[in-house]
Amino acid sequence: MADIVLGIGTSHSPLLNSPAEDYPKHAAIDAAGRKLIGKDGKPCTYGELLEKADPSIVQQIEQPVLERRAAQCTANIEKLSRELVEAKLDTLIIIGDDQHEQFFDDNMPAILIYWGETIANNPLHMDEDAPAFWRKARSQYHVAAQSRDYPVDSRLALHLIGHLIDQGFDISQSRRLSKEHGEGHAFGFVHQRMMRDEAIIPIVPVALNTYFPPNQPRPRRCYDLGVAIRKAVRALPGEARVGILASGGLSHFTVDEELDRGLLDACRRNDGEALCAIPGEKLNSGSSEIRNWLTVAGASAHLKTAWQDYIPCYRSAAGTGCGMGFAVWK
């Protein structure tokens, strides 16, 4: 019987491809007017965050601390890459989000499954005046030069669409990417940072609208989607070994350690009700990508947490940055 044998969660922040000396450059974007939300999920200014921030954060943005944390994040990505190889998967379902890469206000599906035979990753295109640090940070999602097509398990993808609809999920579908951008960052990160050339695994891209109101799936819906995905996989004929991976999160652009640690603890305890009860208003801006983790937690509820790590990567005294989460279920 086919089944999900591996679950993975990983952050995919641009900071993960930035050396520690570039963290202040990202912080400058926060201070210059980036749209930020507080820990209550409400819009706020950088100044308001700075006024309320824990003064001890200043010690966490000292260069030696940033260097240790950046190195730890890199080591964690390498560990997850090894997990993918060692699991000997036939297919990897990637739960990610699209941030105006393929889907816009004229068509913003809440849940979409891509089932083309391949998916394209295209070189990075940025304005000529884009700073070098930002180009480097974003390059982890894109091939360096020539476009590349990666394999998709279109058979499993089509199977999921049908079975999820039978289970009450209204699934959007796509067989091709209409925009020149190619696959979005959530999926490109897995191909460029986590899959070695000698071990490319066919994927099933599942795109959730985590980011843009008003049709963001609610936390319980995301968890239930994961449960339904596992049920659909088990109905697939054959003996396929399937993995599922959450790409994105955790809290950002304001680091919320309580939210992040609570999420990871609930995953460790396999506490589905606690995961479903996460307030939806907390899952906005970058923190919205936690929805991808909720889906994978639902799909991996039959597995046990084998490993987790959490690194609060602050980059400013105001507490901006990204809570970096990494997890393995098996």
Foldseek 3Di string as FASTA:
>chain_A
DFFADKEKEWAQALVLLFALVCLLVVVVVQQVDDFDADQLLHTDHLVVLLVPFDQCVVVCSPSVNSRVLSVVNLVQLAVLLVVLVVLPAQEEEEEEAADPLQDDPVGDDQKEKEQAQWWKFAADDDDPPDDPRSNSSQRLLGDHHHMDIAGAPNVLSVLLCVQVVVVPDNYHYHHYRPDPNIDHSQVSNCVRRRYDPVGRHHYIYMHGHLEDDDSHDAQLRLLVLLLSSRVSSVVDPDHGHYHYYQYHAADPQADDVVVVVQVVVCLQVLPLVSRNPDDSSSLYDRNSSCSSVSSSSSNQSVWHWPDKDWDLNASDSSRGDGTIIITMTD
